[in-house]
Amino acid sequence: MGKQQLSGIDEIAVLWQQITEKLDTDIVLYSGPVLPSESIQLNEVVRGNECRTNVILVLSTFGGVADCAFRIARCLQECYKAGHVTVFVPSFCKSAGTLVAIGADEIIMSDDAEFGPLDAQILHRDVVERTSGLTHSQSLETLCNEASRSFEKIFLHLRQQTGIASDTAATVSGGLVAGLYQPIFGKLDPMVLGEHERAMRVAKEYGERLSKGKSLIRSRGVKRLISEYPSHNFVIDRTEAKDIFRNLRSPNTIESRFVKLLSPVLIEGLFDDESDSVIELLDLSDVLSSIPIETQTQYWSEHHNGDPQNSGGEPGTTERDEHGSRTQEGEAERATQAPETTSGSEGSTQE
């Protein structure tokens, strides 16, 4: 009998079975903005199904509303509170998407994946554009620093060049600095400053609530995401993210292949303005039942040396040191362990 090649959806189904059964996990796809309608849809999808113990959220988004991100993360925490919440980032996971990830137990990042800072984006009343909530506070800080330096420079010049008394030099310097900077400071609206400060506190409060009782995010991680990056579009790649999150890893071979096959669907939800967001709890059992067992066995033989576990590492079981890196002891132990046997009739690994 000749070789039977798997179509794209068939291969996705075979990989889906391996991941879901081995890890007892649901797989939820989310590609699109983090907005009220999308958060409600995800909650309905998750709460309306019989959940497995764990969940993997494959998340692609350019961001959205912090309130909605909190609701999504909290929904996953509650529905899978007896298990493990993993956020898989295949590409962009910016702004509010980063907030969703804070509520997870583990993060998987592909090679080209990126997070983004959590500084709030505020819509101006007079123009249709958004700016970072940090803009006004950083502007005020910059002005204060410049005024202080100007005062010091003028004061020292007067003392050294004219020899006048310190109190006189201070009075003259203060008057000059006030005259110079008062028109600029006068343009800062205290109400706007307060509004921006409140907006920045939203991400902080949500981040602290979602990370409470979890060890994913490092100390000061939330503060760093909110206020320590110079631009809202700043790229936080996997290397940078490891300094913020503890339990963060690269995808293994099976996970990489699975998400690569799903990329056309994820890209459509992310970039196509005319298409709806992709929010779906994957169930490919019907597709899987139509694939002959011998075809599934042949697939594992050709791609993973006959063993579904030969995938470059098991999801969610990497041993790590306190900095989130693989430990040498864990690697050595895995190297000496014999691989588990697979069930040829089901094409899946029995734990």
C-alpha atoms as a PDB file:
ATOM      1  CA  MET A   1       0.000   0.000   0.000  1.00  0.00           C
ATOM      2  CA  GLY A   2       1.383   3.420  -0.931  1.00  0.00           C
ATOM      3  CA  LYS A   3       2.048   6.230   1.484  1.00  0.00           C
ATOM      4  CA  GLN A   4      -0.982   8.168   2.714  1.00  0.00           C
ATOM      5  CA  GLN A   5      -0.176  11.846   3.196  1.00  0.00           C
ATOM      6  CA  LEU A   6      -1.971  13.862   5.839  1.00  0.00           C
ATOM      7  CA  SER A   7      -3.725  17.042   4.758  1.00  0.00           C
ATOM      8  CA  GLY A   8      -3.221  20.198   6.801  1.00  0.00           C
ATOM      9  CA  ILE A   9      -6.355  19.778   8.925  1.00  0.00           C
ATOM     10  CA  ASP A  10      -5.624  16.072   9.414  1.00  0.00           C
ATOM     11  CA  GLU A  11      -2.122  16.801  10.679  1.00  0.00           C
ATOM     12  CA  ILE A  12      -3.502  19.457  13.010  1.00  0.00           C
ATOM     13  CA  ALA A  13      -5.965  16.891  14.355  1.00  0.00           C
ATOM     14  CA  VAL A  14      -3.236  14.308  15.008  1.00  0.00           C
ATOM     15  CA  LEU A  15      -1.093  16.881  16.828  1.00  0.00           C
ATOM     16  CA  TRP A  16      -4.147  18.181  18.684  1.00  0.00           C
ATOM     17  CA  GLN A  17      -4.849  14.682  20.011  1.00  0.00           C
ATOM     18  CA  GLN A  18      -1.261  14.224  21.162  1.00  0.00           C
ATOM     19  CA  ILE A  19      -1.173  17.540  23.042  1.00  0.00           C
ATOM     20  CA  THR A  20      -4.659  17.409  24.562  1.00  0.00           C
ATOM     21  CA  GLU A  21      -4.583  13.775  25.687  1.00  0.00           C
ATOM     22  CA  LYS A  22      -1.031  13.701  26.977  1.00  0.00           C
ATOM     23  CA  LEU A  23      -1.427  16.896  28.997  1.00  0.00           C
ATOM     24  CA  ASP A  24      -5.171  16.610  29.712  1.00  0.00           C
ATOM     25  CA  THR A  25      -5.520  20.122  28.301  1.00  0.00           C
ATOM     26  CA  ASP A  26      -7.993  22.166  26.330  1.00  0.00           C
ATOM     27  CA  ILE A  27      -6.614  24.321  23.519  1.00  0.00           C
ATOM     28  CA  VAL A  28      -8.251  27.723  23.012  1.00  0.00           C
ATOM     29  CA  LEU A  29      -7.420  29.933  20.038  1.00  0.00           C
ATOM     30  CA  TYR A  30      -7.695  33.709  20.451  1.00  0.00           C
ATOM     31  CA  SER A  31      -6.624  36.016  17.639  1.00  0.00           C
ATOM     32  CA  GLY A  32      -7.919  39.574  17.589  1.00  0.00           C
ATOM     33  CA  PRO A  33      -8.345  42.646  19.788  1.00  0.00           C
ATOM     34  CA  VAL A  34      -9.031  42.381  23.511  1.00  0.00           C
ATOM     35  CA  LEU A  35     -12.412  44.116  23.570  1.00  0.00           C
ATOM     36  CA  PRO A  36     -15.710  43.618  25.439  1.00  0.00           C
ATOM     37  CA  SER A  37     -17.400  41.506  22.744  1.00  0.00           C
ATOM     38  CA  GLU A  38     -14.344  39.262  22.425  1.00  0.00           C
ATOM     39  CA  SER A  39     -13.948  38.805  26.178  1.00  0.00           C
ATOM     40  CA  ILE A  40     -17.626  37.857  26.493  1.00  0.00           C
ATOM     41  CA  GLN A  41     -17.268  35.401  23.615  1.00  0.00           C
ATOM     42  CA  LEU A  42     -14.242  33.735  25.179  1.00  0.00           C
ATOM     43  CA  ASN A  43     -15.990  33.441  28.539  1.00  0.00           C
ATOM     44  CA  GLU A  44     -18.968  31.800  26.845  1.00  0.00           C
ATOM     45  CA  VAL A  45     -16.743  29.412  24.890  1.00  0.00           C
ATOM     46  CA  VAL A  46     -14.795  28.304  27.955  1.00  0.00           C
ATOM     47  CA  ARG A  47     -17.645  28.175  30.471  1.00  0.00           C
ATOM     48  CA  GLY A  48     -19.972  26.505  27.973  1.00  0.00           C
ATOM     49  CA  ASN A  49     -17.802  23.412  27.535  1.00  0.00           C
ATOM     50  CA  GLU A  50     -16.775  20.535  29.739  1.00  0.00           C
ATOM     51  CA  CYS A  51     -13.248  21.549  30.622  1.00  0.00           C
ATOM     52  CA  ARG A  52     -10.213  19.331  30.869  1.00  0.00           C
ATOM     53  CA  THR A  53      -7.865  19.863  33.805  1.00  0.00           C
ATOM     54  CA  ASN A  54      -5.533  22.293  32.014  1.00  0.00           C
ATOM     55  CA  VAL A  55      -5.724  24.836  29.214  1.00  0.00           C
ATOM     56  CA  ILE A  56      -3.392  26.261  26.575  1.00  0.00           C
ATOM     57  CA  LEU A  57      -4.477  29.675  25.289  1.00  0.00           C
ATOM     58  CA  VAL A  58      -2.888  30.384  21.888  1.00  0.00           C
ATOM     59  CA  LEU A  59      -2.981  34.185  21.991  1.00  0.00           C
ATOM     60  CA  SER A  60      -2.305  36.686  19.197  1.00  0.00           C
ATOM     61  CA  THR A  61      -3.352  40.302  19.751  1.00  0.00           C
ATOM     62  CA  PHE A  62      -2.217  43.896  19.363  1.00  0.00           C
ATOM     63  CA  GLY A  63      -3.937  44.785  22.626  1.00  0.00           C
ATOM     64  CA  GLY A  64      -7.182  46.336  23.735  1.00  0.00           C
ATOM     65  CA  VAL A  65      -8.932  47.141  27.002  1.00  0.00           C
ATOM     66  CA  ALA A  66      -7.334  46.277  30.340  1.00  0.00           C
ATOM     67  CA  ASP A  67     -10.722  45.497  31.920  1.00  0.00           C
ATOM     68  CA  CYS A  68     -11.402  42.882  29.234  1.00  0.00           C
ATOM     69  CA  ALA A  69      -7.923  41.382  29.590  1.00  0.00           C
ATOM     70  CA  PHE A  70      -8.542  40.977  33.305  1.00  0.00           C
ATOM     71  CA  ARG A  71     -11.884  39.240  32.688  1.00  0.00           C
ATOM     72  CA  ILE A  72     -10.300  36.818  30.209  1.00  0.00           C
ATOM     73  CA  ALA A  73      -7.423  35.908  32.519  1.00  0.00           C
ATOM     74  CA  ARG A  74      -9.710  35.582  35.529  1.00  0.00           C
ATOM     75  CA  CYS A  75     -12.109  33.333  33.582  1.00  0.00           C
ATOM     76  CA  LEU A  76      -9.266  30.949  32.717  1.00  0.00           C
ATOM     77  CA  GLN A  77      -7.998  30.969  36.306  1.00  0.00           C
ATOM     78  CA  GLU A  78     -11.434  30.086  37.650  1.00  0.00           C
ATOM     79  CA  CYS A  79     -12.372  27.454  35.065  1.00  0.00           C
ATOM     80  CA  TYR A  80      -9.002  25.699  35.331  1.00  0.00           C
ATOM     81  CA  LYS A  81      -8.243  26.385  38.996  1.00  0.00           C
ATOM     82  CA  ALA A  82      -7.534  22.686  39.607  1.00  0.00           C
ATOM     83  CA  GLY A  83      -4.970  22.612  36.808  1.00  0.00           C
ATOM     84  CA  HIS A  84      -2.535  24.689  34.814  1.00  0.00           C
ATOM     85  CA  VAL A  85      -3.063  27.756  32.596  1.00  0.00           C
ATOM     86  CA  THR A  86      -0.537  28.147  29.778  1.00  0.00           C
ATOM     87  CA  VAL A  87      -0.398  31.101  27.370  1.00  0.00           C
ATOM     88  CA  PHE A  88       1.228  30.242  24.029  1.00  0.00           C
ATOM     89  CA  VAL A  89       2.447  33.354  22.150  1.00  0.00           C
ATOM     90  CA  PRO A  90       3.191  32.567  18.490  1.00  0.00           C
ATOM     91  CA  SER A  91       3.668  36.170  17.316  1.00  0.00           C
ATOM     92  CA  PHE A  92       2.278  39.457  18.683  1.00  0.00           C
ATOM     93  CA  CYS A  93       0.901  39.684  22.210  1.00  0.00           C
ATOM     94  CA  LYS A  94       0.961  43.384  22.962  1.00  0.00           C
ATOM     95  CA  SER A  95      -0.418  45.622  25.686  1.00  0.00           C
ATOM     96  CA  ALA A  96      -3.617  44.030  27.078  1.00  0.00           C
ATOM     97  CA  GLY A  97      -2.400  40.668  25.760  1.00  0.00           C
ATOM     98  CA  THR A  98       0.568  40.957  28.098  1.00  0.00           C
ATOM     99  CA  LEU A  99      -1.870  41.498  30.970  1.00  0.00           C
ATOM    100  CA  VAL A 100      -3.691  38.267  30.063  1.00  0.00           C
ATOM    101  CA  ALA A 101      -0.368  36.406  30.152  1.00  0.00           C
ATOM    102  CA  ILE A 102       0.367  37.667  33.678  1.00  0.00           C
ATOM    103  CA  GLY A 103      -2.532  35.530  34.901  1.00  0.00           C
ATOM    104  CA  ALA A 104      -1.037  32.297  33.535  1.00  0.00           C
ATOM    105  CA  ASP A 105       1.054  29.618  35.240  1.00  0.00           C
ATOM    106  CA  GLU A 106       3.369  29.162  32.259  1.00  0.00           C
ATOM    107  CA  ILE A 107       4.242  31.013  29.050  1.00  0.00           C
ATOM    108  CA  ILE A 108       5.430  29.516  25.774  1.00  0.00           C
ATOM    109  CA  MET A 109       7.005  31.957  23.301  1.00  0.00           C
ATOM    110  CA  SER A 110       7.916  31.168  19.706  1.00  0.00           C
ATOM    111  CA  ASP A 111      11.137  32.533  18.241  1.00  0.00           C
ATOM    112  CA  ASP A 112       9.458  35.613  16.731  1.00  0.00           C
ATOM    113  CA  ALA A 113       6.963  36.208  19.538  1.00  0.00           C
ATOM    114  CA  GLU A 114       6.842  39.456  21.455  1.00  0.00           C
ATOM    115  CA  PHE A 115       5.059  41.080  24.377  1.00  0.00           C
ATOM    116  CA  GLY A 116       4.543  44.808  24.839  1.00  0.00           C
ATOM    117  CA  PRO A 117       4.563  47.259  27.775  1.00  0.00           C
ATOM    118  CA  LEU A 118       1.463  47.894  29.894  1.00  0.00           C
ATOM    119  CA  ASP A 119       1.457  51.706  29.910  1.00  0.00           C
ATOM    120  CA  ALA A 120      -2.149  52.807  29.419  1.00  0.00           C
ATOM    121  CA  GLN A 121      -3.098  54.364  26.077  1.00  0.00           C
ATOM    122  CA  ILE A 122      -5.385  57.374  26.546  1.00  0.00           C
ATOM    123  CA  LEU A 123      -7.659  58.800  23.870  1.00  0.00           C
ATOM    124  CA  HIS A 124      -7.461  62.582  23.479  1.00  0.00           C
ATOM    125  CA  ARG A 125     -10.731  64.456  23.516  1.00  0.00           C
ATOM    126  CA  ASP A 126      -9.772  66.870  20.742  1.00  0.00           C
ATOM    127  CA  VAL A 127      -7.953  64.502  18.363  1.00  0.00           C
ATOM    128  CA  VAL A 128      -8.545  60.899  17.374  1.00  0.00           C
ATOM    129  CA  GLU A 129      -5.302  59.447  18.637  1.00  0.00           C
ATOM    130  CA  ARG A 130      -3.963  57.821  21.764  1.00  0.00           C
ATOM    131  CA  THR A 131      -0.870  58.564  23.801  1.00  0.00           C
ATOM    132  CA  SER A 132       0.795  56.748  26.645  1.00  0.00           C
ATOM    133  CA  GLY A 133      -0.411  57.458  30.163  1.00  0.00           C
ATOM    134  CA  LEU A 134       3.251  58.013  31.006  1.00  0.00           C
ATOM    135  CA  THR A 135       3.584  61.020  28.687  1.00  0.00           C
ATOM    136  CA  HIS A 136       2.303  63.698  31.065  1.00  0.00           C
ATOM    137  CA  SER A 137       4.030  62.377  34.185  1.00  0.00           C
ATOM    138  CA  GLN A 138       7.327  61.993  32.327  1.00  0.00           C
ATOM    139  CA  SER A 139       6.925  65.483  30.862  1.00  0.00           C
ATOM    140  CA  LEU A 140       6.422  66.888  34.368  1.00  0.00           C
ATOM    141  CA  GLU A 141       9.441  64.979  35.646  1.00  0.00           C
ATOM    142  CA  THR A 142      11.582  66.261  32.779  1.00  0.00           C
ATOM    143  CA  LEU A 143      10.507  69.864  33.380  1.00  0.00           C
ATOM    144  CA  CYS A 144      11.244  69.596  37.097  1.00  0.00           C
ATOM    145  CA  ASN A 145      14.716  68.200  36.390  1.00  0.00           C
ATOM    146  CA  GLU A 146      15.445  70.927  33.844  1.00  0.00           C
ATOM    147  CA  ALA A 147      14.232  73.671  36.195  1.00  0.00           C
ATOM    148  CA  SER A 148      16.393  72.282  38.995  1.00  0.00           C
ATOM    149  CA  ARG A 149      19.467  72.183  36.757  1.00  0.00           C
ATOM    150  CA  SER A 150      18.807  75.722  35.537  1.00  0.00           C
ATOM    151  CA  PHE A 151      18.502  77.012  39.100  1.00  0.00           C
ATOM    152  CA  GLU A 152      21.744  75.320  40.114  1.00  0.00           C
ATOM    153  CA  LYS A 153      23.610  76.633  37.076  1.00  0.00           C
ATOM    154  CA  ILE A 154      22.435  80.234  37.582  1.00  0.00           C
ATOM    155  CA  PHE A 155      23.045  80.132  41.340  1.00  0.00           C
ATOM    156  CA  LEU A 156      26.626  78.861  40.975  1.00  0.00           C
ATOM    157  CA  HIS A 157      27.350  81.384  38.232  1.00  0.00           C
ATOM    158  CA  LEU A 158      26.171  84.275  40.410  1.00  0.00           C
ATOM    159  CA  ARG A 159      28.140  83.118  43.430  1.00  0.00           C
ATOM    160  CA  GLN A 160      31.365  82.450  41.537  1.00  0.00           C
ATOM    161  CA  GLN A 161      31.298  85.383  39.122  1.00  0.00           C
ATOM    162  CA  THR A 162      29.823  88.166  41.266  1.00  0.00           C
ATOM    163  CA  GLY A 163      30.471  87.026  44.827  1.00  0.00           C
ATOM    164  CA  ILE A 164      27.005  88.054  46.024  1.00  0.00           C
ATOM    165  CA  ALA A 165      25.536  86.449  49.141  1.00  0.00           C
ATOM    166  CA  SER A 166      23.942  82.995  48.888  1.00  0.00           C
ATOM    167  CA  ASP A 167      20.440  84.157  49.843  1.00  0.00           C
ATOM    168  CA  THR A 168      20.560  86.919  47.243  1.00  0.00           C
ATOM    169  CA  ALA A 169      21.848  84.515  44.587  1.00  0.00           C
ATOM    170  CA  ALA A 170      19.074  82.056  45.473  1.00  0.00           C
ATOM    171  CA  THR A 171      16.396  84.760  45.199  1.00  0.00           C
ATOM    172  CA  VAL A 172      17.674  85.970  41.840  1.00  0.00           C
ATOM    173  CA  SER A 173      18.061  82.418  40.505  1.00  0.00           C
ATOM    174  CA  GLY A 174      14.567  81.449  41.652  1.00  0.00           C
ATOM    175  CA  GLY A 175      13.034  84.478  39.995  1.00  0.00           C
ATOM    176  CA  LEU A 176      14.793  83.801  36.697  1.00  0.00           C
ATOM    177  CA  VAL A 177      13.858  80.095  36.668  1.00  0.00           C
ATOM    178  CA  ALA A 178      10.236  80.869  37.598  1.00  0.00           C
ATOM    179  CA  GLY A 179       9.942  83.389  34.800  1.00  0.00           C
ATOM    180  CA  LEU A 180      11.461  80.968  32.331  1.00  0.00           C
ATOM    181  CA  TYR A 181       9.478  77.844  33.203  1.00  0.00           C
ATOM    182  CA  GLN A 182       6.171  79.186  34.538  1.00  0.00           C
ATOM    183  CA  PRO A 183       4.554  79.497  31.066  1.00  0.00           C
ATOM    184  CA  ILE A 184       5.537  75.894  30.305  1.00  0.00           C
ATOM    185  CA  PHE A 185       4.292  74.482  33.605  1.00  0.00           C
ATOM    186  CA  GLY A 186       1.101  76.479  33.150  1.00  0.00           C
ATOM    187  CA  LYS A 187       0.209  74.354  30.125  1.00  0.00           C
ATOM    188  CA  LEU A 188       0.024  71.187  32.240  1.00  0.00           C
ATOM    189  CA  ASP A 189      -3.529  70.465  33.325  1.00  0.00           C
ATOM    190  CA  PRO A 190      -3.681  68.955  36.856  1.00  0.00           C
ATOM    191  CA  MET A 191      -6.945  67.202  35.964  1.00  0.00           C
ATOM    192  CA  VAL A 192      -5.305  65.514  32.987  1.00  0.00           C
ATOM    193  CA  LEU A 193      -2.316  64.513  35.109  1.00  0.00           C
ATOM    194  CA  GLY A 194      -4.659  62.919  37.635  1.00  0.00           C
ATOM    195  CA  GLU A 195      -6.628  61.169  34.899  1.00  0.00           C
ATOM    196  CA  HIS A 196      -3.471  59.698  33.429  1.00  0.00           C
ATOM    197  CA  GLU A 197      -2.222  58.602  36.832  1.00  0.00           C
ATOM    198  CA  ARG A 198      -5.483  56.766  37.487  1.00  0.00           C
ATOM    199  CA  ALA A 199      -5.277  55.063  34.075  1.00  0.00           C
ATOM    200  CA  MET A 200      -1.773  53.849  34.849  1.00  0.00           C
ATOM    201  CA  ARG A 201      -2.959  52.417  38.158  1.00  0.00           C
ATOM    202  CA  VAL A 202      -5.512  50.199  36.379  1.00  0.00           C
ATOM    203  CA  ALA A 203      -2.874  47.953  34.801  1.00  0.00           C
ATOM    204  CA  LYS A 204      -0.916  47.880  38.055  1.00  0.00           C
ATOM    205  CA  GLU A 205      -3.903  46.814  40.134  1.00  0.00           C
ATOM    206  CA  TYR A 206      -5.056  44.194  37.623  1.00  0.00           C
ATOM    207  CA  GLY A 207      -1.535  42.824  37.253  1.00  0.00           C
ATOM    208  CA  GLU A 208      -1.102  42.457  40.998  1.00  0.00           C
ATOM    209  CA  ARG A 209      -4.473  40.727  41.357  1.00  0.00           C
ATOM    210  CA  LEU A 210      -3.854  38.275  38.517  1.00  0.00           C
ATOM    211  CA  SER A 211      -0.369  37.367  39.762  1.00  0.00           C
ATOM    212  CA  LYS A 212      -1.421  36.941  43.394  1.00  0.00           C
ATOM    213  CA  GLY A 213      -0.583  33.449  44.624  1.00  0.00           C
ATOM    214  CA  LYS A 214       1.391  32.654  41.440  1.00  0.00           C
ATOM    215  CA  SER A 215       5.116  32.533  40.846  1.00  0.00           C
ATOM    216  CA  LEU A 216       5.123  33.357  37.126  1.00  0.00           C
ATOM    217  CA  ILE A 217       6.103  37.017  37.230  1.00  0.00           C
ATOM    218  CA  ARG A 218       9.274  38.153  38.990  1.00  0.00           C
ATOM    219  CA  SER A 219       9.524  40.803  41.682  1.00  0.00           C
ATOM    220  CA  ARG A 220       8.853  44.279  40.236  1.00  0.00           C
ATOM    221  CA  GLY A 221       7.808  42.636  36.964  1.00  0.00           C
ATOM    222  CA  VAL A 222       4.460  44.438  36.810  1.00  0.00           C
ATOM    223  CA  LYS A 223       6.065  47.805  37.596  1.00  0.00           C
ATOM    224  CA  ARG A 224       8.691  47.207  34.947  1.00  0.00           C
ATOM    225  CA  LEU A 225       6.046  46.461  32.310  1.00  0.00           C
ATOM    226  CA  ILE A 226       4.091  49.593  33.228  1.00  0.00           C
ATOM    227  CA  SER A 227       6.733  52.287  33.580  1.00  0.00           C
ATOM    228  CA  GLU A 228      10.217  51.188  32.554  1.00  0.00           C
ATOM    229  CA  TYR A 229       9.950  51.036  28.760  1.00  0.00           C
ATOM    230  CA  PRO A 230      10.347  54.146  26.572  1.00  0.00           C
ATOM    231  CA  SER A 231       7.637  53.271  24.035  1.00  0.00           C
ATOM    232  CA  HIS A 232       4.304  51.458  23.996  1.00  0.00           C
ATOM    233  CA  ASN A 233       5.493  49.598  20.876  1.00  0.00           C
ATOM    234  CA  PHE A 234       8.737  48.464  22.526  1.00  0.00           C
ATOM    235  CA  VAL A 235       9.532  44.858  21.592  1.00  0.00           C
ATOM    236  CA  ILE A 236       9.797  42.508  24.572  1.00  0.00           C
ATOM    237  CA  ASP A 237      11.162  39.380  22.932  1.00  0.00           C
ATOM    238  CA  ARG A 238      11.725  36.006  24.559  1.00  0.00           C
ATOM    239  CA  THR A 239      15.168  36.919  25.891  1.00  0.00           C
ATOM    240  CA  GLU A 240      13.834  40.097  27.489  1.00  0.00           C
ATOM    241  CA  ALA A 241      10.703  38.356  28.744  1.00  0.00           C
ATOM    242  CA  LYS A 242      12.752  35.794  30.669  1.00  0.00           C
ATOM    243  CA  ASP A 243      13.925  38.647  32.900  1.00  0.00           C
ATOM    244  CA  ILE A 244      10.273  39.395  33.713  1.00  0.00           C
ATOM    245  CA  PHE A 245       8.646  35.951  33.813  1.00  0.00           C
ATOM    246  CA  ARG A 246      10.000  32.854  35.552  1.00  0.00           C
ATOM    247  CA  ASN A 247       8.188  29.914  33.975  1.00  0.00           C
ATOM    248  CA  LEU A 248       8.764  30.798  30.338  1.00  0.00           C
ATOM    249  CA  ARG A 249      10.083  28.462  27.663  1.00  0.00           C
ATOM    250  CA  SER A 250      10.387  27.822  23.936  1.00  0.00           C
ATOM    251  CA  PRO A 251       7.883  25.514  22.226  1.00  0.00           C
ATOM    252  CA  ASN A 252       8.881  21.933  21.564  1.00  0.00           C
ATOM    253  CA  THR A 253       8.752  20.348  18.107  1.00  0.00           C
ATOM    254  CA  ILE A 254       5.121  19.232  18.273  1.00  0.00           C
ATOM    255  CA  GLU A 255       3.918  22.576  19.651  1.00  0.00           C
ATOM    256  CA  SER A 256       5.864  24.521  17.004  1.00  0.00           C
ATOM    257  CA  ARG A 257       4.459  22.442  14.170  1.00  0.00           C
ATOM    258  CA  PHE A 258       0.928  22.634  15.569  1.00  0.00           C
ATOM    259  CA  VAL A 259       0.923  26.436  15.795  1.00  0.00           C
ATOM    260  CA  LYS A 260       2.645  26.815  12.420  1.00  0.00           C
ATOM    261  CA  LEU A 261      -0.202  24.888  10.793  1.00  0.00           C
ATOM    262  CA  LEU A 262      -2.699  27.152  12.555  1.00  0.00           C
ATOM    263  CA  SER A 263      -0.911  30.368  11.548  1.00  0.00           C
ATOM    264  CA  PRO A 264      -3.190  31.205   8.559  1.00  0.00           C
ATOM    265  CA  VAL A 265      -6.195  31.242  10.900  1.00  0.00           C
ATOM    266  CA  LEU A 266      -4.358  33.261  13.544  1.00  0.00           C
ATOM    267  CA  ILE A 267      -3.063  35.788  10.998  1.00  0.00           C
ATOM    268  CA  GLU A 268      -6.550  36.302   9.566  1.00  0.00           C
ATOM    269  CA  GLY A 269      -7.957  37.118  12.995  1.00  0.00           C
ATOM    270  CA  LEU A 270      -5.066  39.471  13.719  1.00  0.00           C
ATOM    271  CA  PHE A 271      -4.655  41.419  10.471  1.00  0.00           C
ATOM    272  CA  ASP A 272      -7.881  41.121   8.455  1.00  0.00           C
ATOM    273  CA  ASP A 273     -10.161  43.997   9.489  1.00  0.00           C
ATOM    274  CA  GLU A 274     -13.069  42.491   7.573  1.00  0.00           C
ATOM    275  CA  SER A 275     -12.879  39.168   9.403  1.00  0.00           C
ATOM    276  CA  ASP A 276     -14.158  38.392  12.869  1.00  0.00           C
ATOM    277  CA  SER A 277     -11.757  37.634  15.672  1.00  0.00           C
ATOM    278  CA  VAL A 278     -10.841  33.973  16.037  1.00  0.00           C
ATOM    279  CA  ILE A 279     -12.014  32.688  19.422  1.00  0.00           C
ATOM    280  CA  GLU A 280     -12.488  28.944  19.563  1.00  0.00           C
ATOM    281  CA  LEU A 281     -12.014  25.981  21.853  1.00  0.00           C
ATOM    282  CA  LEU A 282     -10.557  23.395  19.489  1.00  0.00           C
ATOM    283  CA  ASP A 283     -12.298  20.044  19.210  1.00  0.00           C
ATOM    284  CA  LEU A 284     -10.992  18.023  16.282  1.00  0.00           C
ATOM    285  CA  SER A 285     -12.242  14.614  17.394  1.00  0.00           C
ATOM    286  CA  ASP A 286     -14.519  14.311  14.341  1.00  0.00           C
ATOM    287  CA  VAL A 287     -11.605  15.019  11.995  1.00  0.00           C
ATOM    288  CA  LEU A 288      -9.387  12.596  13.904  1.00  0.00           C
ATOM    289  CA  SER A 289     -11.931   9.768  13.717  1.00  0.00           C
ATOM    290  CA  SER A 290     -11.825   9.921   9.917  1.00  0.00           C
ATOM    291  CA  ILE A 291      -8.044   9.367   9.755  1.00  0.00           C
ATOM    292  CA  PRO A 292      -7.009   5.691   9.468  1.00  0.00           C
ATOM    293  CA  ILE A 293      -4.903   4.437  12.363  1.00  0.00           C
ATOM    294  CA  GLU A 294      -2.175   3.271   9.991  1.00  0.00           C
ATOM    295  CA  THR A 295      -1.945   6.791   8.563  1.00  0.00           C
ATOM    296  CA  GLN A 296      -1.493   8.235  12.052  1.00  0.00           C
ATOM    297  CA  THR A 297       1.171   5.638  12.861  1.00  0.00           C
ATOM    298  CA  GLN A 298       2.952   6.392   9.584  1.00  0.00           C
ATOM    299  CA  TYR A 299       2.924  10.119  10.424  1.00  0.00           C
ATOM    300  CA  TRP A 300       4.675   9.609  13.763  1.00  0.00           C
ATOM    301  CA  SER A 301       7.149   7.224  12.115  1.00  0.00           C
ATOM    302  CA  GLU A 302       8.096   9.735   9.447  1.00  0.00           C
ATOM    303  CA  HIS A 303       8.184  12.878  11.579  1.00  0.00           C
ATOM    304  CA  HIS A 304       9.036  11.787  15.137  1.00  0.00           C
ATOM    305  CA  ASN A 305      10.863   8.457  14.804  1.00  0.00           C
ATOM    306  CA  GLY A 306       7.708   6.507  15.544  1.00  0.00           C
ATOM    307  CA  ASP A 307       7.233   8.091  18.982  1.00  0.00           C
ATOM    308  CA  PRO A 308       4.820  10.962  19.607  1.00  0.00           C
ATOM    309  CA  GLN A 309       6.934  11.855  22.644  1.00  0.00           C
ATOM    310  CA  ASN A 310      10.054  12.403  20.566  1.00  0.00           C
ATOM    311  CA  SER A 311       9.181  16.050  20.216  1.00  0.00           C
ATOM    312  CA  GLY A 312      12.091  17.970  21.632  1.00  0.00           C
ATOM    313  CA  GLY A 313      10.771  18.236  25.169  1.00  0.00           C
ATOM    314  CA  GLU A 314       7.501  17.724  27.004  1.00  0.00           C
ATOM    315  CA  PRO A 315       5.193  20.697  27.410  1.00  0.00           C
ATOM    316  CA  GLY A 316       4.976  22.066  30.916  1.00  0.00           C
ATOM    317  CA  THR A 317       7.511  19.735  32.539  1.00  0.00           C
ATOM    318  CA  THR A 318      10.833  21.487  32.055  1.00  0.00           C
ATOM    319  CA  GLU A 319      12.889  21.501  35.238  1.00  0.00           C
ATOM    320  CA  ARG A 320      14.214  24.975  35.966  1.00  0.00           C
ATOM    321  CA  ASP A 321      16.436  26.757  38.406  1.00  0.00           C
ATOM    322  CA  GLU A 322      15.432  29.880  40.283  1.00  0.00           C
ATOM    323  CA  HIS A 323      16.147  32.003  37.220  1.00  0.00           C
ATOM    324  CA  GLY A 324      13.830  29.977  34.968  1.00  0.00           C
ATOM    325  CA  SER A 325      16.616  28.137  33.093  1.00  0.00           C
ATOM    326  CA  ARG A 326      16.766  24.415  32.431  1.00  0.00           C
ATOM    327  CA  THR A 327      18.774  22.676  35.121  1.00  0.00           C
ATOM    328  CA  GLN A 328      21.643  20.403  34.165  1.00  0.00           C
ATOM    329  CA  GLU A 329      20.339  17.752  36.542  1.00  0.00           C
ATOM    330  CA  GLY A 330      16.957  17.770  34.822  1.00  0.00           C
ATOM    331  CA  GLU A 331      18.555  17.463  31.391  1.00  0.00           C
ATOM    332  CA  ALA A 332      20.782  14.614  32.523  1.00  0.00           C
ATOM    333  CA  GLU A 333      17.883  12.768  34.113  1.00  0.00           C
ATOM    334  CA  ARG A 334      15.811  13.015  30.915  1.00  0.00           C
ATOM    335  CA  ALA A 335      18.754  11.827  28.861  1.00  0.00           C
ATOM    336  CA  THR A 336      19.041   8.614  30.891  1.00  0.00           C
ATOM    337  CA  GLN A 337      15.327   7.829  30.994  1.00  0.00           C
ATOM    338  CA  ALA A 338      13.897   5.368  28.501  1.00  0.00           C
ATOM    339  CA  PRO A 339      11.095   6.844  26.370  1.00  0.00           C
ATOM    340  CA  GLU A 340       7.540   5.917  27.218  1.00  0.00           C
ATOM    341  CA  THR A 341       5.796   3.532  24.877  1.00  0.00           C
ATOM    342  CA  THR A 342       3.001   4.695  22.646  1.00  0.00           C
ATOM    343  CA  SER A 343      -0.268   3.097  21.782  1.00  0.00           C
ATOM    344  CA  GLY A 344      -0.162   2.175  18.122  1.00  0.00           C
ATOM    345  CA  SER A 345      -3.926   1.880  17.931  1.00  0.00           C
ATOM    346  CA  GLU A 346      -4.525   5.410  19.222  1.00  0.00           C
ATOM    347  CA  GLY A 347      -1.418   7.229  18.079  1.00  0.00           C
ATOM    348  CA  SER A 348      -1.082   8.844  21.512  1.00  0.00           C
ATOM    349  CA  THR A 349       1.110   8.470  24.553  1.00  0.00           C
ATOM    350  CA  GLN A 350      -0.286   6.878  27.678  1.00  0.00           C
ATOM    351  CA  GLU A 351       0.886   8.651  30.786  1.00  0.00           C
END
